[in-house]
Amino acid sequence: MSGLSGLWHFEFLGNELGEWAIALAIFLVTFTVLPLIKRAISRQRRREPRGPQGYLALDLLAALVGHTNRLFLIGVAVWLAARDLNFPDRIDRWLNTALVLLLWMQLALWAMAAIGFAVGVRRQRLGTQVVASMDVILVAIGIIVWGLAGLLALENLGIHVGPLLAGLGIGGIALALAVQAVLADLLASLSIALDKPFMIGDFLTIDDCQGTIEHIGVKSTRMRSLTGEQIILGNSDLLKARVRNFGRMLERRALFQLDVHYDTPVAALATVPGAVREIIEATPDVRFDRCHLLRCAPTTLQFETVFFMTNPDFKAYASAQQSINLRILERFRTLGVIFAAVAPTPVRFHPPPGVLAEDSGQQRLL
C-alpha cells in the first residue's frame, strides 16, 4: 500500500500522478459525454414531428448543437481536466491561447448558425426567390462576424487591437482605392439584397437588354435573354440604369385599334362599342375599360379599345387577344361593319427603347 501511495503522490511535470489520473478521467468522461449529448439532441429533433409553425426554439438549439466543432469539445474537456493542474508559464500560456481561440471560433460558428437559421426561416416564409439575395447578405455578415471574433480573441489574449485597427484602416483605404470597382459592385449587391427591386424569375428591361433574372451574385447579376443568350451586368451599373420589372405587373394594359371603312352605315358604327365590350367582358381574366370612335382619319374610321388582363402573363394576354380578334371578325360580319382594306399611311407601334413590341399589348386590325 505504501508503494501505491508513493506512486500516487509521485510528481511529474509539477503535478502528482494522482492529479494526472483524475485529470485524465475528467477528460475522458467529458469528451465521451459531450459528443453523446450532441448526437442525442440531433437525433431527437429529427424524430419529432414539426408543427405548422415549427418548434423554432428546439430547431435553433439543434442547429447550434449541429455546428458545435469537435475541436471545441476537446478544448472544453482539456479545460475541465486541467483546472487543478499546475503547468510551467510557457505551457500555461500556450494552453490559454489555444482555449481562447477555440472559444471565439466556436462563438463565431454559433453566431453564423443562428443567423443561417433565421435566414432559413425567412426563406420558408417568403419563398425561394430570396435565396440569392440572402446569400449575399450572409457573405457580408460572415465577414463581420469572423472579423469581430478575431479582434475579440486578440483582445482577450492581451493584444491591443487599437493600433492594429488604425493600421488596418490606413491599409483599407489604400485597398479600397485599388479595388473600388469591385467594392462598388459589392455594395450594390447589398443594396439589391436589402431593397429587392427584383428577384430571381422576374422579367426585366434594362436599357437595351431584356431577359429573365437567373442569378444575383456578389459582383454581377445574370439574366437570360429572349433569344437564349446569357447577359451579365455589373451590380453597380444595374443600379444606375432604368429598370422596368414586368415580373411585378399586377395587371397588363392592352390597347388595340380597329380601322373601319367610311362606307359602313352609321347605325352599324354605333353598335361597335357595345359589341366590342360584350366580346371582351365574355373573355376570361379580362376587364373591359373603353371602346370609342376617336379619330376620323382621311381613309378610315378608327376605333380605339382598351382592356386590362387580370393575369399579366404575356401568353395569357396573347390567347385572350386572339380570342377577342376572332370574335370581333365574326361579329362585325353579322353587324355589317366593313373593315378598311388598306390604310395609305400604315400606323405602326414603335416601342420605347428597351420594350418588346410583342410585350407592349398593342396591336392594330386592318
Protein backbone atom coordinates (compact mmCIF):
# COMPACT_ATOMS: atom_id res chain seq x y z
CA MET A 1 0.00 0.00 0.00
CA SER A 2 2.84 2.33 0.83
CA GLY A 3 4.25 1.66 -2.64
CA LEU A 4 0.96 2.56 -4.31
CA SER A 5 0.62 5.61 -2.07
CA GLY A 6 4.10 6.71 -3.03
CA LEU A 7 3.35 6.18 -6.72
CA TRP A 8 0.10 8.13 -6.35
CA HIS A 9 1.98 11.10 -4.90
CA PHE A 10 4.87 10.86 -7.32
CA GLU A 11 5.36 14.23 -9.02
CA PHE A 12 5.55 14.54 -12.78
CA LEU A 13 5.81 17.94 -14.53
CA GLY A 14 4.92 19.71 -11.29
CA ASN A 15 1.83 17.56 -10.53
CA GLU A 16 1.31 14.30 -8.67
CA LEU A 17 0.41 11.18 -10.66
CA GLY A 18 -2.90 11.05 -8.79
CA GLU A 19 -3.78 14.52 -10.06
CA TRP A 20 -2.81 13.46 -13.56
CA ALA A 21 -5.05 10.37 -13.25
CA ILE A 22 -8.02 12.44 -12.07
CA ALA A 23 -7.44 14.94 -14.87
CA LEU A 24 -7.29 12.11 -17.42
CA ALA A 25 -10.52 10.62 -16.07
CA ILE A 26 -12.28 14.02 -16.29
CA PHE A 27 -11.02 14.48 -19.84
CA LEU A 28 -12.21 11.03 -20.99
CA VAL A 29 -15.62 11.36 -19.33
CA THR A 30 -16.18 14.87 -20.68
CA PHE A 31 -15.02 14.05 -24.19
CA THR A 32 -17.24 10.95 -24.18
CA VAL A 33 -20.36 12.55 -22.70
CA LEU A 34 -20.42 15.79 -24.72
CA PRO A 35 -20.45 14.13 -28.20
CA LEU A 36 -23.12 11.70 -26.96
CA ILE A 37 -25.29 14.61 -25.82
CA LYS A 38 -24.72 16.34 -29.18
CA ARG A 39 -25.80 13.27 -31.15
CA ALA A 40 -28.78 12.60 -28.86
CA ILE A 41 -30.15 16.15 -29.32
CA SER A 42 -29.72 15.99 -33.09
CA ARG A 43 -31.42 12.59 -33.38
CA GLN A 44 -34.28 13.55 -31.08
CA ARG A 45 -35.00 16.72 -33.08
CA ARG A 46 -35.06 14.79 -36.35
CA ARG A 47 -37.56 12.29 -34.92
CA GLU A 48 -40.03 14.87 -33.61
CA PRO A 49 -42.81 15.93 -35.99
CA ARG A 50 -42.84 19.57 -36.94
CA GLY A 51 -45.96 21.63 -36.40
CA PRO A 52 -47.28 24.22 -38.85
CA GLN A 53 -45.06 26.90 -37.30
CA GLY A 54 -42.28 24.53 -36.25
CA TYR A 55 -40.63 24.42 -32.87
CA LEU A 56 -38.29 27.32 -33.51
CA ALA A 57 -36.53 27.21 -30.15
CA LEU A 58 -35.79 23.49 -30.45
CA ASP A 59 -34.82 23.87 -34.09
CA LEU A 60 -32.43 26.66 -33.17
CA LEU A 61 -30.94 24.54 -30.36
CA ALA A 62 -30.48 21.65 -32.78
CA ALA A 63 -28.79 23.99 -35.30
CA LEU A 64 -26.39 25.29 -32.65
CA VAL A 65 -25.59 21.79 -31.43
CA GLY A 66 -25.04 20.63 -35.00
CA HIS A 67 -22.48 23.41 -35.56
CA THR A 68 -20.51 22.59 -32.42
CA ASN A 69 -16.97 21.85 -33.55
CA ARG A 70 -15.22 18.70 -32.30
CA LEU A 71 -12.08 20.69 -31.54
CA PHE A 72 -14.14 22.89 -29.23
CA LEU A 73 -15.37 19.80 -27.37
CA ILE A 74 -11.76 18.69 -26.96
CA GLY A 75 -10.89 22.15 -25.66
CA VAL A 76 -13.74 22.02 -23.10
CA ALA A 77 -12.55 18.61 -21.94
CA VAL A 78 -8.96 19.84 -21.64
CA TRP A 79 -10.06 22.95 -19.74
CA LEU A 80 -12.11 20.94 -17.23
CA ALA A 81 -9.30 18.42 -16.77
CA ALA A 82 -6.51 20.98 -16.40
CA ARG A 83 -8.18 23.35 -13.91
CA ASP A 84 -6.47 21.74 -10.88
CA LEU A 85 -3.12 21.13 -12.58
CA ASN A 86 -0.09 23.38 -12.42
CA PHE A 87 1.94 23.97 -15.59
CA PRO A 88 5.04 25.96 -16.39
CA ASP A 89 4.33 29.50 -17.54
CA ARG A 90 5.15 28.75 -21.15
CA ILE A 91 2.84 25.74 -21.36
CA ASP A 92 0.12 27.56 -19.44
CA ARG A 93 0.35 30.49 -21.86
CA TRP A 94 0.11 28.27 -24.95
CA LEU A 95 -2.79 26.33 -23.44
CA ASN A 96 -4.65 29.54 -22.59
CA THR A 97 -4.09 30.88 -26.11
CA ALA A 98 -5.43 27.70 -27.70
CA LEU A 99 -8.53 27.66 -25.46
CA VAL A 100 -9.31 31.34 -26.14
CA LEU A 101 -9.00 30.85 -29.90
CA LEU A 102 -11.20 27.74 -29.79
CA LEU A 103 -13.81 29.59 -27.70
CA TRP A 104 -14.12 32.53 -30.10
CA MET A 105 -14.06 30.22 -33.11
CA GLN A 106 -16.98 28.30 -31.64
CA LEU A 107 -18.86 31.51 -30.74
CA ALA A 108 -18.47 32.66 -34.34
CA LEU A 109 -19.75 29.30 -35.59
CA TRP A 110 -22.77 29.53 -33.27
CA ALA A 111 -23.46 33.10 -34.40
CA MET A 112 -23.35 32.07 -38.07
CA ALA A 113 -25.56 29.06 -37.31
CA ALA A 114 -28.15 31.30 -35.61
CA ILE A 115 -28.07 33.78 -38.49
CA GLY A 116 -28.33 30.97 -41.04
CA PHE A 117 -31.28 29.52 -39.12
CA ALA A 118 -33.04 32.92 -39.15
CA VAL A 119 -32.40 33.26 -42.89
CA GLY A 120 -33.74 29.74 -43.48
CA VAL A 121 -36.96 30.57 -41.63
CA ARG A 122 -37.34 33.73 -43.72
CA ARG A 123 -36.77 31.76 -46.92
CA GLN A 124 -39.54 29.36 -45.99
CA ARG A 125 -41.95 32.23 -45.40
CA LEU A 126 -41.05 34.34 -48.44
CA GLY A 127 -40.22 31.58 -50.92
CA THR A 128 -37.14 30.55 -52.89
CA GLN A 129 -36.87 33.82 -54.82
CA VAL A 130 -34.96 35.43 -51.96
CA VAL A 131 -32.26 32.78 -51.86
CA ALA A 132 -29.70 34.71 -53.88
CA SER A 133 -30.19 37.98 -52.05
CA MET A 134 -29.96 36.23 -48.69
CA ASP A 135 -26.72 34.57 -49.76
CA VAL A 136 -25.23 37.98 -50.48
CA ILE A 137 -26.26 39.19 -47.02
CA LEU A 138 -24.81 36.05 -45.41
CA VAL A 139 -21.44 36.68 -47.07
CA ALA A 140 -21.30 40.21 -45.66
CA ILE A 141 -22.48 39.12 -42.21
CA GLY A 142 -19.95 36.27 -42.19
CA ILE A 143 -17.08 38.71 -42.85
CA ILE A 144 -18.28 40.94 -39.99
CA VAL A 145 -18.82 38.08 -37.51
CA TRP A 146 -15.47 36.41 -38.13
CA GLY A 147 -13.67 39.76 -38.08
CA LEU A 148 -15.21 40.67 -34.71
CA ALA A 149 -14.43 37.21 -33.31
CA GLY A 150 -10.79 37.52 -34.35
CA LEU A 151 -10.45 41.01 -32.82
CA LEU A 152 -12.10 39.98 -29.54
CA ALA A 153 -9.87 36.89 -29.34
CA LEU A 154 -6.78 39.06 -29.75
CA GLU A 155 -8.08 41.46 -27.10
CA ASN A 156 -8.64 38.58 -24.65
CA LEU A 157 -5.08 37.40 -25.28
CA GLY A 158 -3.76 40.78 -24.18
CA ILE A 159 -3.02 42.17 -27.63
CA HIS A 160 -4.16 45.78 -28.02
CA VAL A 161 -6.15 45.96 -31.23
CA GLY A 162 -6.33 49.78 -31.33
CA PRO A 163 -3.03 50.25 -33.22
CA LEU A 164 -3.90 47.23 -35.35
CA LEU A 165 -7.24 48.75 -36.31
CA ALA A 166 -5.53 52.06 -37.13
CA GLY A 167 -3.08 50.27 -39.39
CA LEU A 168 -5.85 48.26 -40.99
CA GLY A 169 -7.80 51.48 -41.55
CA ILE A 170 -4.95 53.07 -43.49
CA GLY A 171 -4.35 49.87 -45.41
CA GLY A 172 -8.07 49.53 -46.00
CA ILE A 173 -8.25 52.96 -47.60
CA ALA A 174 -5.42 52.08 -49.97
CA LEU A 175 -7.04 48.74 -50.76
CA ALA A 176 -10.43 50.36 -51.31
CA LEU A 177 -8.91 52.79 -53.83
CA ALA A 178 -7.29 49.89 -55.65
CA VAL A 179 -10.44 47.76 -55.85
CA GLN A 180 -13.11 50.44 -55.80
CA ALA A 181 -14.92 48.94 -58.81
CA VAL A 182 -15.24 45.58 -57.04
CA LEU A 183 -16.34 47.28 -53.81
CA ALA A 184 -18.92 49.31 -55.74
CA ASP A 185 -20.41 46.07 -57.12
CA LEU A 186 -20.32 44.50 -53.65
CA LEU A 187 -22.15 47.42 -52.04
CA ALA A 188 -24.60 47.44 -54.94
CA SER A 189 -25.31 43.75 -54.35
CA LEU A 190 -26.09 44.53 -50.70
CA SER A 191 -28.41 47.31 -51.83
CA ILE A 192 -30.19 44.90 -54.18
CA ALA A 193 -30.45 42.28 -51.44
CA LEU A 194 -31.94 44.73 -48.94
CA ASP A 195 -34.13 46.83 -51.26
CA LYS A 196 -35.23 43.91 -53.51
CA PRO A 197 -36.08 45.87 -56.69
CA PHE A 198 -36.28 42.50 -58.46
CA MET A 199 -35.97 38.80 -57.69
CA ILE A 200 -34.95 35.62 -59.47
CA GLY A 201 -37.53 34.81 -62.15
CA ASP A 202 -38.56 38.43 -62.83
CA PHE A 203 -38.55 39.59 -66.46
CA LEU A 204 -36.67 42.90 -66.74
CA THR A 205 -35.95 45.52 -69.36
CA ILE A 206 -32.64 47.25 -68.56
CA ASP A 207 -31.67 49.87 -71.14
CA ASP A 208 -31.40 47.82 -74.34
CA CYS A 209 -31.26 44.43 -72.54
CA GLN A 210 -34.24 42.20 -71.86
CA GLY A 211 -34.40 38.89 -70.07
CA THR A 212 -35.29 36.84 -67.01
CA ILE A 213 -33.15 37.08 -63.88
CA GLU A 214 -31.28 33.82 -63.23
CA HIS A 215 -28.75 34.73 -60.54
CA ILE A 216 -27.96 37.68 -58.28
CA GLY A 217 -24.32 37.45 -57.25
CA VAL A 218 -21.88 39.44 -55.16
CA LYS A 219 -20.37 41.22 -58.17
CA SER A 220 -22.78 40.70 -61.06
CA THR A 221 -26.33 39.74 -61.96
CA ARG A 222 -27.04 37.23 -64.72
CA MET A 223 -30.16 37.22 -66.88
CA ARG A 224 -31.34 35.02 -69.75
CA SER A 225 -32.47 36.95 -72.83
CA LEU A 226 -35.45 36.05 -75.02
CA THR A 227 -33.10 34.85 -77.74
CA GLY A 228 -31.37 32.46 -75.36
CA GLU A 229 -28.01 34.06 -74.57
CA GLN A 230 -26.94 34.98 -71.05
CA ILE A 231 -26.47 38.65 -70.22
CA ILE A 232 -24.10 39.58 -67.37
CA LEU A 233 -24.48 43.00 -65.77
CA GLY A 234 -22.36 44.58 -63.03
CA ASN A 235 -24.43 45.31 -59.94
CA SER A 236 -23.27 48.93 -59.73
CA ASP A 237 -24.21 49.52 -63.39
CA LEU A 238 -27.53 47.84 -62.75
CA LEU A 239 -28.48 50.28 -60.00
CA LYS A 240 -27.67 53.25 -62.25
CA ALA A 241 -29.92 52.01 -65.07
CA ARG A 242 -33.66 52.45 -65.51
CA VAL A 243 -35.17 49.04 -64.81
CA ARG A 244 -38.64 48.00 -65.96
CA ASN A 245 -39.78 44.97 -63.96
CA PHE A 246 -42.52 43.08 -65.78
CA GLY A 247 -42.46 40.45 -63.04
CA ARG A 248 -44.17 42.90 -60.67
CA MET A 249 -47.09 43.60 -63.02
CA LEU A 250 -50.44 43.33 -61.27
CA GLU A 251 -52.42 43.84 -64.46
CA ARG A 252 -51.49 44.14 -68.15
CA ARG A 253 -52.99 47.06 -70.09
CA ALA A 254 -53.78 46.23 -73.71
CA LEU A 255 -54.75 48.69 -76.44
CA PHE A 256 -55.77 47.87 -79.99
CA GLN A 257 -57.26 49.84 -82.90
CA LEU A 258 -59.95 48.87 -85.37
CA ASP A 259 -59.89 50.61 -88.77
CA VAL A 260 -63.38 50.72 -90.25
CA HIS A 261 -64.33 51.81 -93.78
CA TYR A 262 -66.32 55.01 -94.37
CA ASP A 263 -68.89 53.01 -96.34
CA THR A 264 -70.05 51.38 -93.08
CA PRO A 265 -73.56 52.63 -92.17
CA VAL A 266 -73.75 54.98 -89.19
CA ALA A 267 -76.21 52.67 -87.44
CA ALA A 268 -73.69 49.83 -87.68
CA LEU A 269 -70.92 52.10 -86.42
CA ALA A 270 -72.98 52.93 -83.33
CA THR A 271 -73.16 49.23 -82.41
CA VAL A 272 -69.37 48.73 -82.48
CA PRO A 273 -68.51 49.88 -78.90
CA GLY A 274 -71.27 47.76 -77.35
CA ALA A 275 -70.34 44.70 -79.40
CA VAL A 276 -66.66 45.02 -78.55
CA ARG A 277 -67.49 45.48 -74.86
CA GLU A 278 -69.69 42.38 -74.87
CA ILE A 279 -66.96 40.30 -76.51
CA ILE A 280 -64.23 41.48 -74.13
CA GLU A 281 -66.33 41.02 -70.98
CA ALA A 282 -67.07 37.44 -72.05
CA THR A 283 -63.33 36.66 -72.23
CA PRO A 284 -61.82 35.08 -69.07
CA ASP A 285 -59.30 37.10 -66.99
CA VAL A 286 -60.16 40.31 -68.87
CA ARG A 287 -61.52 43.63 -67.56
CA PHE A 288 -63.03 45.99 -70.14
CA ASP A 289 -62.06 49.67 -69.95
CA ARG A 290 -63.30 51.56 -73.01
CA CYS A 291 -64.05 51.49 -76.73
CA HIS A 292 -64.57 54.74 -78.67
CA LEU A 293 -64.54 56.11 -82.20
CA LEU A 294 -61.67 58.50 -81.52
CA ARG A 295 -60.43 59.54 -84.96
CA CYS A 296 -61.82 60.13 -88.41
CA ALA A 297 -58.72 59.61 -90.49
CA PRO A 298 -58.55 60.50 -94.19
CA THR A 299 -59.45 56.98 -95.29
CA THR A 300 -60.57 55.12 -92.14
CA LEU A 301 -62.68 55.46 -89.02
CA GLN A 302 -60.52 54.46 -86.08
CA PHE A 303 -61.99 52.78 -83.00
CA GLU A 304 -59.63 52.57 -80.03
CA THR A 305 -60.21 49.85 -77.43
CA VAL A 306 -58.51 49.39 -74.05
CA PHE A 307 -58.81 46.45 -71.68
CA PHE A 308 -56.84 45.00 -68.76
CA MET A 309 -55.63 41.46 -68.23
CA THR A 310 -56.01 40.43 -64.58
CA ASN A 311 -53.46 37.71 -65.35
CA PRO A 312 -50.40 39.68 -66.51
CA ASP A 313 -48.68 36.71 -68.17
CA PHE A 314 -47.94 37.50 -71.82
CA LYS A 315 -49.09 34.13 -73.10
CA ALA A 316 -52.43 34.59 -71.35
CA TYR A 317 -52.72 38.04 -72.97
CA ALA A 318 -51.88 36.65 -76.42
CA SER A 319 -54.52 33.92 -76.10
CA ALA A 320 -57.13 36.41 -74.90
CA GLN A 321 -56.31 38.88 -77.70
CA GLN A 322 -56.57 36.12 -80.29
CA SER A 323 -59.97 35.07 -78.97
CA ILE A 324 -61.17 38.69 -78.98
CA ASN A 325 -59.94 39.25 -82.56
CA LEU A 326 -61.69 36.16 -83.92
CA ARG A 327 -64.97 37.03 -82.23
CA ILE A 328 -64.77 40.64 -83.46
CA LEU A 329 -64.29 39.44 -87.05
CA GLU A 330 -67.30 37.18 -86.71
CA ARG A 331 -69.50 39.81 -85.04
CA PHE A 332 -68.60 42.61 -87.46
CA ARG A 333 -69.65 40.49 -90.42
CA THR A 334 -73.00 39.95 -88.74
CA LEU A 335 -73.41 43.68 -87.99
CA GLY A 336 -72.35 44.77 -91.46
CA VAL A 337 -69.27 46.64 -90.25
CA ILE A 338 -66.71 46.92 -93.03
CA PHE A 339 -63.03 46.87 -92.19
CA ALA A 340 -60.74 49.27 -94.06
CA ALA A 341 -58.79 47.21 -96.57
CA VAL A 342 -55.67 49.35 -96.87
CA ALA A 343 -54.51 52.40 -95.00
CA PRO A 344 -52.41 54.77 -97.11
CA THR A 345 -50.01 55.53 -94.25
CA PRO A 346 -49.79 52.47 -92.01
CA VAL A 347 -49.53 53.40 -88.37
CA ARG A 348 -47.03 51.18 -86.68
CA PHE A 349 -46.34 50.96 -82.97
CA HIS A 350 -42.75 51.82 -82.15
CA PRO A 351 -41.98 50.74 -78.59
CA PRO A 352 -39.75 52.95 -76.46
CA PRO A 353 -36.14 51.76 -76.09
CA GLY A 354 -35.92 48.51 -74.20
CA VAL A 355 -39.56 47.41 -74.59
CA LEU A 356 -40.52 44.42 -76.70
CA ALA A 357 -43.16 45.12 -79.31
CA GLU A 358 -44.76 41.78 -78.54
CA ASP A 359 -44.90 42.61 -74.83
CA SER A 360 -46.46 46.04 -75.25
CA GLY A 361 -50.01 44.71 -75.51
CA GLN A 362 -50.83 46.87 -78.57
CA GLN A 363 -51.98 45.81 -81.99
CA ARG A 364 -53.89 47.08 -84.99
CA LEU A 365 -56.60 45.36 -87.01
CA LEU A 366 -56.87 46.50 -90.62
